[in-house]
Amino acid sequence: TKMMERMEWMTEKATEIGFDEITFLKCTFSERKVI
């Protein structure tokens, strides 16, 4: 997301729930190009 705080929050909560891998995508309508 444009506001990286929202993505950081999601990553934190997803880790608490449990998963194995996250990849960030640069798409046609992406507002954020760098992380």
PDB file of all heavy atoms in Angstrom:
ATOM      1  N   THR A   1       0.826  -1.202   0.000  1.00  0.00           N
ATOM      2  CA  THR A   1       0.000   0.000   0.000  1.00  0.00           C
ATOM      3  C   THR A   1       0.865   1.258   0.000  1.00  0.00           C
ATOM      4  O   THR A   1       2.048   1.217   0.353  1.00  0.00           O
ATOM      5  CB  THR A   1      -0.904   0.017   1.246  1.00  0.00           C
ATOM      6  OG1 THR A   1      -0.081  -0.157   2.412  1.00  0.00           O
ATOM      7  CG2 THR A   1      -1.927  -1.093   1.199  1.00  0.00           C
ATOM      8  N   LYS A   2       0.265   2.384  -0.379  1.00  0.00           N
ATOM      9  CA  LYS A   2       0.989   3.659  -0.378  1.00  0.00           C
ATOM     10  C   LYS A   2       1.484   3.987   1.022  1.00  0.00           C
ATOM     11  O   LYS A   2       2.618   4.429   1.204  1.00  0.00           O
ATOM     12  CB  LYS A   2       0.072   4.771  -0.895  1.00  0.00           C
ATOM     13  CG  LYS A   2       0.755   6.115  -1.024  1.00  0.00           C
ATOM     14  CD  LYS A   2      -0.182   7.152  -1.612  1.00  0.00           C
ATOM     15  CE  LYS A   2       0.510   8.503  -1.754  1.00  0.00           C
ATOM     16  NZ  LYS A   2      -0.407   9.527  -2.344  1.00  0.00           N
ATOM     17  N   MET A   3       0.632   3.768   2.030  1.00  0.00           N
ATOM     18  CA  MET A   3       1.025   3.966   3.429  1.00  0.00           C
ATOM     19  C   MET A   3       1.646   2.666   3.940  1.00  0.00           C
ATOM     20  O   MET A   3       0.945   1.691   4.184  1.00  0.00           O
ATOM     21  CB  MET A   3      -0.183   4.364   4.276  1.00  0.00           C
ATOM     22  CG  MET A   3      -0.779   5.705   3.916  1.00  0.00           C
ATOM     23  SD  MET A   3      -2.237   6.096   4.918  1.00  0.00           S
ATOM     24  CE  MET A   3      -1.508   6.122   6.564  1.00  0.00           C
ATOM     25  N   MET A   4       2.963   2.664   4.087  1.00  0.00           N
ATOM     26  CA  MET A   4       3.664   1.432   4.426  1.00  0.00           C
ATOM     27  C   MET A   4       3.294   0.921   5.814  1.00  0.00           C
ATOM     28  O   MET A   4       3.418  -0.264   6.101  1.00  0.00           O
ATOM     29  CB  MET A   4       5.172   1.664   4.332  1.00  0.00           C
ATOM     30  CG  MET A   4       5.989   0.384   4.196  1.00  0.00           C
ATOM     31  SD  MET A   4       5.489  -0.584   2.749  1.00  0.00           S
ATOM     32  CE  MET A   4       6.158  -2.195   3.196  1.00  0.00           C
ATOM     33  N   GLU A   5       2.809   1.812   6.685  1.00  0.00           N
ATOM     34  CA  GLU A   5       2.421   1.375   8.026  1.00  0.00           C
ATOM     35  C   GLU A   5       1.350   0.301   7.965  1.00  0.00           C
ATOM     36  O   GLU A   5       1.336  -0.618   8.797  1.00  0.00           O
ATOM     37  CB  GLU A   5       1.901   2.560   8.847  1.00  0.00           C
ATOM     38  CG  GLU A   5       2.944   3.619   9.165  1.00  0.00           C
ATOM     39  CD  GLU A   5       3.126   4.627   8.042  1.00  0.00           C
ATOM     40  OE1 GLU A   5       2.490   4.456   6.972  1.00  0.00           O
ATOM     41  OE2 GLU A   5       3.890   5.590   8.232  1.00  0.00           O
ATOM     42  N   ARG A   6       0.457   0.388   6.996  1.00  0.00           N
ATOM     43  CA  ARG A   6      -0.608  -0.617   6.871  1.00  0.00           C
ATOM     44  C   ARG A   6      -0.033  -1.972   6.464  1.00  0.00           C
ATOM     45  O   ARG A   6      -0.475  -3.019   6.942  1.00  0.00           O
ATOM     46  CB  ARG A   6      -1.640  -0.133   5.855  1.00  0.00           C
ATOM     47  CG  ARG A   6      -2.497   1.014   6.381  1.00  0.00           C
ATOM     48  CD  ARG A   6      -3.157   1.828   5.301  1.00  0.00           C
ATOM     49  NE  ARG A   6      -3.933   1.023   4.371  1.00  0.00           N
ATOM     50  CZ  ARG A   6      -4.499   1.506   3.265  1.00  0.00           C
ATOM     51  NH1 ARG A   6      -4.373   2.794   2.970  1.00  0.00           N
ATOM     52  NH2 ARG A   6      -5.197   0.729   2.465  1.00  0.00           N
ATOM     53  N   MET A   7       0.965  -1.960   5.593  1.00  0.00           N
ATOM     54  CA  MET A   7       1.593  -3.209   5.182  1.00  0.00           C
ATOM     55  C   MET A   7       2.424  -3.814   6.295  1.00  0.00           C
ATOM     56  O   MET A   7       2.473  -5.028   6.471  1.00  0.00           O
ATOM     57  CB  MET A   7       2.452  -2.931   3.949  1.00  0.00           C
ATOM     58  CG  MET A   7       2.816  -4.122   3.119  1.00  0.00           C
ATOM     59  SD  MET A   7       1.513  -5.096   2.313  1.00  0.00           S
ATOM     60  CE  MET A   7       0.085  -4.067   2.220  1.00  0.00           C
ATOM     61  N   GLU A   8       3.070  -2.963   7.071  1.00  0.00           N
ATOM     62  CA  GLU A   8       3.845  -3.454   8.210  1.00  0.00           C
ATOM     63  C   GLU A   8       2.936  -4.113   9.240  1.00  0.00           C
ATOM     64  O   GLU A   8       3.272  -5.154   9.811  1.00  0.00           O
ATOM     65  CB  GLU A   8       4.632  -2.303   8.828  1.00  0.00           C
ATOM     66  CG  GLU A   8       5.732  -1.775   7.922  1.00  0.00           C
ATOM     67  CD  GLU A   8       6.358  -0.494   8.433  1.00  0.00           C
ATOM     68  OE1 GLU A   8       5.859   0.038   9.455  1.00  0.00           O
ATOM     69  OE2 GLU A   8       7.336  -0.020   7.833  1.00  0.00           O
ATOM     70  N   TRP A   9       1.779  -3.467   9.485  1.00  0.00           N
ATOM     71  CA  TRP A   9       0.803  -4.049  10.419  1.00  0.00           C
ATOM     72  C   TRP A   9       0.332  -5.412   9.913  1.00  0.00           C
ATOM     73  O   TRP A   9       0.263  -6.375  10.681  1.00  0.00           O
ATOM     74  CB  TRP A   9      -0.386  -3.094  10.558  1.00  0.00           C
ATOM     75  CG  TRP A   9      -1.506  -3.641  11.387  1.00  0.00           C
ATOM     76  CD1 TRP A   9      -1.639  -3.581  12.746  1.00  0.00           C
ATOM     77  CD2 TRP A   9      -2.657  -4.362  10.911  1.00  0.00           C
ATOM     78  NE1 TRP A   9      -2.800  -4.212  13.143  1.00  0.00           N
ATOM     79  CE2 TRP A   9      -3.441  -4.702  12.041  1.00  0.00           C
ATOM     80  CE3 TRP A   9      -3.089  -4.734   9.642  1.00  0.00           C
ATOM     81  CZ2 TRP A   9      -4.638  -5.402  11.929  1.00  0.00           C
ATOM     82  CZ3 TRP A   9      -4.284  -5.442   9.529  1.00  0.00           C
ATOM     83  CH2 TRP A   9      -5.038  -5.769  10.666  1.00  0.00           C
ATOM     84  N   MET A  10       0.019  -5.515   8.625  1.00  0.00           N
ATOM     85  CA  MET A  10      -0.451  -6.779   8.072  1.00  0.00           C
ATOM     86  C   MET A  10       0.607  -7.873   8.205  1.00  0.00           C
ATOM     87  O   MET A  10       0.309  -9.012   8.583  1.00  0.00           O
ATOM     88  CB  MET A  10      -0.821  -6.603   6.605  1.00  0.00           C
ATOM     89  CG  MET A  10      -1.457  -7.842   5.979  1.00  0.00           C
ATOM     90  SD  MET A  10      -0.838  -8.203   4.322  1.00  0.00           S
ATOM     91  CE  MET A  10       0.852  -8.666   4.629  1.00  0.00           C
ATOM     92  N   THR A  11       1.861  -7.524   7.911  1.00  0.00           N
ATOM     93  CA  THR A  11       2.935  -8.517   7.989  1.00  0.00           C
ATOM     94  C   THR A  11       3.117  -9.010   9.418  1.00  0.00           C
ATOM     95  O   THR A  11       3.323 -10.208   9.656  1.00  0.00           O
ATOM     96  CB  THR A  11       4.251  -7.920   7.460  1.00  0.00           C
ATOM     97  OG1 THR A  11       4.057  -7.424   6.130  1.00  0.00           O
ATOM     98  CG2 THR A  11       5.346  -8.973   7.440  1.00  0.00           C
ATOM     99  N   GLU A  12       3.042  -8.099  10.359  1.00  0.00           N
ATOM    100  CA  GLU A  12       3.153  -8.476  11.771  1.00  0.00           C
ATOM    101  C   GLU A  12       2.060  -9.456  12.163  1.00  0.00           C
ATOM    102  O   GLU A  12       2.333 -10.515  12.768  1.00  0.00           O
ATOM    103  CB  GLU A  12       3.079  -7.231  12.650  1.00  0.00           C
ATOM    104  CG  GLU A  12       3.120  -7.518  14.143  1.00  0.00           C
ATOM    105  CD  GLU A  12       2.883  -6.270  14.959  1.00  0.00           C
ATOM    106  OE1 GLU A  12       1.751  -5.734  14.928  1.00  0.00           O
ATOM    107  OE2 GLU A  12       3.833  -5.835  15.632  1.00  0.00           O
ATOM    108  N   LYS A  13       0.808  -9.142  11.819  1.00  0.00           N
ATOM    109  CA  LYS A  13      -0.314  -9.995  12.211  1.00  0.00           C
ATOM    110  C   LYS A  13      -0.299 -11.318  11.462  1.00  0.00           C
ATOM    111  O   LYS A  13      -0.644 -12.360  12.032  1.00  0.00           O
ATOM    112  CB  LYS A  13      -1.634  -9.260  11.989  1.00  0.00           C
ATOM    113  CG  LYS A  13      -1.760  -7.949  12.768  1.00  0.00           C
ATOM    114  CD  LYS A  13      -1.402  -8.134  14.241  1.00  0.00           C
ATOM    115  CE  LYS A  13      -1.357  -6.799  14.960  1.00  0.00           C
ATOM    116  NZ  LYS A  13      -0.816  -6.922  16.334  1.00  0.00           N
ATOM    117  N   ALA A  14       0.106 -11.298  10.191  1.00  0.00           N
ATOM    118  CA  ALA A  14       0.190 -12.546   9.428  1.00  0.00           C
ATOM    119  C   ALA A  14       1.239 -13.477  10.036  1.00  0.00           C
ATOM    120  O   ALA A  14       1.052 -14.699  10.085  1.00  0.00           O
ATOM    121  CB  ALA A  14       0.521 -12.243   7.971  1.00  0.00           C
ATOM    122  N   THR A  15       2.339 -12.901  10.514  1.00  0.00           N
ATOM    123  CA  THR A  15       3.376 -13.699  11.170  1.00  0.00           C
ATOM    124  C   THR A  15       2.847 -14.318  12.458  1.00  0.00           C
ATOM    125  O   THR A  15       3.113 -15.489  12.757  1.00  0.00           O
ATOM    126  CB  THR A  15       4.609 -12.835  11.478  1.00  0.00           C
ATOM    127  OG1 THR A  15       5.114 -12.281  10.252  1.00  0.00           O
ATOM    128  CG2 THR A  15       5.703 -13.654  12.138  1.00  0.00           C
ATOM    129  N   GLU A  16       2.084 -13.561  13.216  1.00  0.00           N
ATOM    130  CA  GLU A  16       1.505 -14.092  14.451  1.00  0.00           C
ATOM    131  C   GLU A  16       0.546 -15.245  14.148  1.00  0.00           C
ATOM    132  O   GLU A  16       0.483 -16.224  14.903  1.00  0.00           O
ATOM    133  CB  GLU A  16       0.777 -12.982  15.196  1.00  0.00           C
ATOM    134  CG  GLU A  16       1.708 -11.910  15.763  1.00  0.00           C
ATOM    135  CD  GLU A  16       0.942 -10.753  16.384  1.00  0.00           C
ATOM    136  OE1 GLU A  16      -0.283 -10.869  16.550  1.00  0.00           O
ATOM    137  OE2 GLU A  16       1.569  -9.725  16.695  1.00  0.00           O
ATOM    138  N   ILE A  17      -0.214 -15.133  13.059  1.00  0.00           N
ATOM    139  CA  ILE A  17      -1.133 -16.206  12.672  1.00  0.00           C
ATOM    140  C   ILE A  17      -0.349 -17.413  12.184  1.00  0.00           C
ATOM    141  O   ILE A  17      -0.603 -18.551  12.583  1.00  0.00           O
ATOM    142  CB  ILE A  17      -2.109 -15.711  11.585  1.00  0.00           C
ATOM    143  CG1 ILE A  17      -3.044 -14.656  12.175  1.00  0.00           C
ATOM    144  CG2 ILE A  17      -2.922 -16.866  11.001  1.00  0.00           C
ATOM    145  CD1 ILE A  17      -3.817 -13.884  11.131  1.00  0.00           C
ATOM    146  N   GLY A  18       0.578 -17.183  11.288  1.00  0.00           N
ATOM    147  CA  GLY A  18       1.435 -18.242  10.784  1.00  0.00           C
ATOM    148  C   GLY A  18       1.401 -18.376   9.272  1.00  0.00           C
ATOM    149  O   GLY A  18       0.359 -18.674   8.695  1.00  0.00           O
ATOM    150  N   PHE A  19       2.539 -18.123   8.629  1.00  0.00           N
ATOM    151  CA  PHE A  19       2.704 -18.396   7.201  1.00  0.00           C
ATOM    152  C   PHE A  19       4.197 -18.499   6.924  1.00  0.00           C
ATOM    153  O   PHE A  19       5.014 -18.389   7.836  1.00  0.00           O
ATOM    154  CB  PHE A  19       2.010 -17.347   6.339  1.00  0.00           C
ATOM    155  CG  PHE A  19       2.687 -15.990   6.256  1.00  0.00           C
ATOM    156  CD1 PHE A  19       2.816 -15.343   5.037  1.00  0.00           C
ATOM    157  CD2 PHE A  19       3.171 -15.337   7.386  1.00  0.00           C
ATOM    158  CE1 PHE A  19       3.416 -14.098   4.946  1.00  0.00           C
ATOM    159  CE2 PHE A  19       3.766 -14.092   7.306  1.00  0.00           C
ATOM    160  CZ  PHE A  19       3.894 -13.474   6.071  1.00  0.00           C
ATOM    161  N   ASP A  20       4.579 -18.759   5.666  1.00  0.00           N
ATOM    162  CA  ASP A  20       5.965 -19.107   5.388  1.00  0.00           C
ATOM    163  C   ASP A  20       6.734 -18.100   4.547  1.00  0.00           C
ATOM    164  O   ASP A  20       7.962 -18.058   4.625  1.00  0.00           O
ATOM    165  CB  ASP A  20       6.031 -20.467   4.674  1.00  0.00           C
ATOM    166  CG  ASP A  20       5.508 -21.596   5.533  1.00  0.00           C
ATOM    167  OD1 ASP A  20       6.220 -21.988   6.468  1.00  0.00           O
ATOM    168  OD2 ASP A  20       4.386 -22.076   5.278  1.00  0.00           O
ATOM    169  N   GLU A  21       6.039 -17.315   3.735  1.00  0.00           N
ATOM    170  CA  GLU A  21       6.774 -16.475   2.795  1.00  0.00           C
ATOM    171  C   GLU A  21       5.923 -15.290   2.360  1.00  0.00           C
ATOM    172  O   GLU A  21       4.722 -15.428   2.157  1.00  0.00           O
ATOM    173  CB  GLU A  21       7.156 -17.302   1.561  1.00  0.00           C
ATOM    174  CG  GLU A  21       7.892 -16.554   0.476  1.00  0.00           C
ATOM    175  CD  GLU A  21       8.167 -17.425  -0.745  1.00  0.00           C
ATOM    176  OE1 GLU A  21       7.950 -18.657  -0.676  1.00  0.00           O
ATOM    177  OE2 GLU A  21       8.597 -16.873  -1.773  1.00  0.00           O
ATOM    178  N   ILE A  22       6.556 -14.132   2.206  1.00  0.00           N
ATOM    179  CA  ILE A  22       5.871 -12.966   1.661  1.00  0.00           C
ATOM    180  C   ILE A  22       6.747 -12.336   0.588  1.00  0.00           C
ATOM    181  O   ILE A  22       7.959 -12.196   0.756  1.00  0.00           O
ATOM    182  CB  ILE A  22       5.512 -11.932   2.755  1.00  0.00           C
ATOM    183  CG1 ILE A  22       4.693 -10.787   2.163  1.00  0.00           C
ATOM    184  CG2 ILE A  22       6.755 -11.406   3.468  1.00  0.00           C
ATOM    185  CD1 ILE A  22       4.022  -9.908   3.212  1.00  0.00           C
ATOM    186  N   THR A  23       6.115 -12.020  -0.535  1.00  0.00           N
ATOM    187  CA  THR A  23       6.772 -11.332  -1.643  1.00  0.00           C
ATOM    188  C   THR A  23       5.962 -10.089  -1.969  1.00  0.00           C
ATOM    189  O   THR A  23       4.725 -10.142  -1.998  1.00  0.00           O
ATOM    190  CB  THR A  23       6.844 -12.233  -2.890  1.00  0.00           C
ATOM    191  OG1 THR A  23       7.545 -13.435  -2.571  1.00  0.00           O
ATOM    192  CG2 THR A  23       7.570 -11.519  -4.033  1.00  0.00           C
ATOM    193  N   PHE A  24       6.635  -8.983  -2.209  1.00  0.00           N
ATOM    194  CA  PHE A  24       5.948  -7.743  -2.559  1.00  0.00           C
ATOM    195  C   PHE A  24       5.982  -7.561  -4.071  1.00  0.00           C
ATOM    196  O   PHE A  24       7.017  -7.770  -4.717  1.00  0.00           O
ATOM    197  CB  PHE A  24       6.582  -6.570  -1.827  1.00  0.00           C
ATOM    198  CG  PHE A  24       6.437  -6.673  -0.338  1.00  0.00           C
ATOM    199  CD1 PHE A  24       7.456  -7.187   0.447  1.00  0.00           C
ATOM    200  CD2 PHE A  24       5.250  -6.301   0.273  1.00  0.00           C
ATOM    201  CE1 PHE A  24       7.304  -7.314   1.817  1.00  0.00           C
ATOM    202  CE2 PHE A  24       5.082  -6.421   1.648  1.00  0.00           C
ATOM    203  CZ  PHE A  24       6.116  -6.925   2.417  1.00  0.00           C
ATOM    204  N   LEU A  25       4.836  -7.162  -4.641  1.00  0.00           N
ATOM    205  CA  LEU A  25       4.666  -7.086  -6.088  1.00  0.00           C
ATOM    206  C   LEU A  25       4.559  -5.645  -6.565  1.00  0.00           C
ATOM    207  O   LEU A  25       3.920  -4.809  -5.927  1.00  0.00           O
ATOM    208  CB  LEU A  25       3.396  -7.832  -6.502  1.00  0.00           C
ATOM    209  CG  LEU A  25       3.307  -9.321  -6.165  1.00  0.00           C
ATOM    210  CD1 LEU A  25       1.942  -9.856  -6.565  1.00  0.00           C
ATOM    211  CD2 LEU A  25       4.425 -10.096  -6.847  1.00  0.00           C
ATOM    212  N   LYS A  26       5.173  -5.376  -7.687  1.00  0.00           N
ATOM    213  CA  LYS A  26       5.034  -4.096  -8.369  1.00  0.00           C
ATOM    214  C   LYS A  26       4.077  -4.307  -9.538  1.00  0.00           C
ATOM    215  O   LYS A  26       4.386  -5.006 -10.494  1.00  0.00           O
ATOM    216  CB  LYS A  26       6.386  -3.594  -8.863  1.00  0.00           C
ATOM    217  CG  LYS A  26       6.366  -2.179  -9.425  1.00  0.00           C
ATOM    218  CD  LYS A  26       7.728  -1.803 -10.009  1.00  0.00           C
ATOM    219  CE  LYS A  26       8.808  -1.832  -8.941  1.00  0.00           C
ATOM    220  NZ  LYS A  26      10.140  -1.416  -9.505  1.00  0.00           N
ATOM    221  N   CYS A  27       2.887  -3.719  -9.434  1.00  0.00           N
ATOM    222  CA  CYS A  27       1.820  -3.964 -10.401  1.00  0.00           C
ATOM    223  C   CYS A  27       1.491  -2.707 -11.206  1.00  0.00           C
ATOM    224  O   CYS A  27       1.993  -1.613 -10.914  1.00  0.00           O
ATOM    225  CB  CYS A  27       0.564  -4.450  -9.673  1.00  0.00           C
ATOM    226  SG  CYS A  27       0.827  -5.934  -8.683  1.00  0.00           S
ATOM    227  N   THR A  28       0.608  -2.852 -12.179  1.00  0.00           N
ATOM    228  CA  THR A  28       0.223  -1.729 -13.036  1.00  0.00           C
ATOM    229  C   THR A  28      -0.302  -0.555 -12.234  1.00  0.00           C
ATOM    230  O   THR A  28       0.048   0.607 -12.496  1.00  0.00           O
ATOM    231  CB  THR A  28      -0.843  -2.182 -14.044  1.00  0.00           C
ATOM    232  OG1 THR A  28      -0.306  -3.239 -14.846  1.00  0.00           O
ATOM    233  CG2 THR A  28      -1.261  -1.036 -14.953  1.00  0.00           C
ATOM    234  N   PHE A  29      -1.161  -0.828 -11.247  1.00  0.00           N
ATOM    235  CA  PHE A  29      -1.784   0.244 -10.478  1.00  0.00           C
ATOM    236  C   PHE A  29      -1.120   0.483  -9.122  1.00  0.00           C
ATOM    237  O   PHE A  29      -1.694   1.153  -8.259  1.00  0.00           O
ATOM    238  CB  PHE A  29      -3.273  -0.065 -10.272  1.00  0.00           C
ATOM    239  CG  PHE A  29      -4.054  -0.200 -11.547  1.00  0.00           C
ATOM    240  CD1 PHE A  29      -5.031  -1.183 -11.692  1.00  0.00           C
ATOM    241  CD2 PHE A  29      -3.823   0.657 -12.616  1.00  0.00           C
ATOM    242  CE1 PHE A  29      -5.758  -1.307 -12.865  1.00  0.00           C
ATOM    243  CE2 PHE A  29      -4.540   0.546 -13.797  1.00  0.00           C
ATOM    244  CZ  PHE A  29      -5.511  -0.441 -13.925  1.00  0.00           C
ATOM    245  N   SER A  30       0.068  -0.049  -8.937  1.00  0.00           N
ATOM    246  CA  SER A  30       0.769   0.133  -7.661  1.00  0.00           C
ATOM    247  C   SER A  30       1.110   1.599  -7.426  1.00  0.00           C
ATOM    248  O   SER A  30       1.617   2.276  -8.318  1.00  0.00           O
ATOM    249  CB  SER A  30       2.057  -0.689  -7.631  1.00  0.00           C
ATOM    250  OG  SER A  30       1.787  -2.075  -7.584  1.00  0.00           O
ATOM    251  N   GLU A  31       0.855   2.074  -6.219  1.00  0.00           N
ATOM    252  CA  GLU A  31       1.245   3.432  -5.837  1.00  0.00           C
ATOM    253  C   GLU A  31       2.604   3.445  -5.158  1.00  0.00           C
ATOM    254  O   GLU A  31       3.239   4.493  -5.064  1.00  0.00           O
ATOM    255  CB  GLU A  31       0.193   4.048  -4.915  1.00  0.00           C
ATOM    256  CG  GLU A  31      -1.145   4.306  -5.592  1.00  0.00           C
ATOM    257  CD  GLU A  31      -2.055   5.120  -4.698  1.00  0.00           C
ATOM    258  OE1 GLU A  31      -1.913   6.358  -4.694  1.00  0.00           O
ATOM    259  OE2 GLU A  31      -2.897   4.515  -4.004  1.00  0.00           O
ATOM    260  N   ARG A  32       3.023   2.298  -4.638  1.00  0.00           N
ATOM    261  CA  ARG A  32       4.340   2.207  -3.999  1.00  0.00           C
ATOM    262  C   ARG A  32       5.219   1.288  -4.827  1.00  0.00           C
ATOM    263  O   ARG A  32       4.875   0.143  -5.089  1.00  0.00           O
ATOM    264  CB  ARG A  32       4.205   1.680  -2.562  1.00  0.00           C
ATOM    265  CG  ARG A  32       5.542   1.443  -1.881  1.00  0.00           C
ATOM    266  CD  ARG A  32       5.377   1.119  -0.417  1.00  0.00           C
ATOM    267  NE  ARG A  32       5.048   2.324   0.349  1.00  0.00           N
ATOM    268  CZ  ARG A  32       5.922   3.198   0.802  1.00  0.00           C
ATOM    269  NH1 ARG A  32       7.214   3.025   0.570  1.00  0.00           N
ATOM    270  NH2 ARG A  32       5.538   4.227   1.499  1.00  0.00           N
ATOM    271  N   LYS A  33       6.374   1.793  -5.211  1.00  0.00           N
ATOM    272  CA  LYS A  33       7.287   1.048  -6.074  1.00  0.00           C
ATOM    273  C   LYS A  33       8.517   0.528  -5.337  1.00  0.00           C
ATOM    274  O   LYS A  33       9.278  -0.264  -5.880  1.00  0.00           O
ATOM    275  CB  LYS A  33       7.761   1.940  -7.231  1.00  0.00           C
ATOM    276  CG  LYS A  33       6.643   2.637  -8.001  1.00  0.00           C
ATOM    277  CD  LYS A  33       5.821   1.670  -8.809  1.00  0.00           C
ATOM    278  CE  LYS A  33       4.802   2.421  -9.672  1.00  0.00           C
ATOM    279  NZ  LYS A  33       3.963   1.505 -10.482  1.00  0.00           N
ATOM    280  N   VAL A  34       8.737   1.002  -4.095  1.00  0.00           N
ATOM    281  CA  VAL A  34       9.940   0.648  -3.346  1.00  0.00           C
ATOM    282  C   VAL A  34       9.552   0.304  -1.911  1.00  0.00           C
ATOM    283  O   VAL A  34       8.668   0.937  -1.331  1.00  0.00           O
ATOM    284  CB  VAL A  34      10.960   1.812  -3.331  1.00  0.00           C
ATOM    285  CG1 VAL A  34      12.185   1.448  -2.505  1.00  0.00           C
ATOM    286  CG2 VAL A  34      11.370   2.191  -4.751  1.00  0.00           C
ATOM    287  N   ILE A  35      10.208  -0.697  -1.340  1.00  0.00           N
ATOM    288  CA  ILE A  35      10.006  -1.030   0.069  1.00  0.00           C
ATOM    289  C   ILE A  35      11.361  -1.290   0.724  1.00  0.00           C
ATOM    290  O   ILE A  35      12.355  -1.538   0.030  1.00  0.00           O
ATOM    291  CB  ILE A  35       9.113  -2.272   0.265  1.00  0.00           C
ATOM    292  CG1 ILE A  35       9.768  -3.501  -0.369  1.00  0.00           C
ATOM    293  CG2 ILE A  35       7.717  -2.061  -0.268  1.00  0.00           C
ATOM    294  CD1 ILE A  35       9.159  -4.790   0.083  1.00  0.00           C
TER     295      ILE A  35
END
